């Protein structure tokens, strides 16, 4: 067996051994680099649920509500939410999400105190 074939078989043995250790058996892509080596890339891990993005949306939602309550006043804000709750289904859903809650009320008082 020539030296290049032995090197190729050794490389394949390392690849298969690595696959057996990591449990990655499916192949995502097979390419040949400019030196003639076969590069086998295993499938990457599946992406999980984006918890950080979801938390950023939730925190932003409460912060925006708190800023609105501090700027226009809690009484006026509550009146507008009550006015919305008498409308269509979409307006009722908006009124339900925009109703004052302890977190946004606390944020509004903190923003008002620090201005």
Foldseek 3Di string as FASTA:
>chain_A
DDPVVVVLVVVVVVVVVVCVVVVFDAWDDWDADPVRHIDTDTDDDDDDDPPVVVVVVVVVLLLVLLVVCLPPHVVVQQVVLVVQCPDDPVSVVVSVSSHDDPSSPVSNVVVNVVD
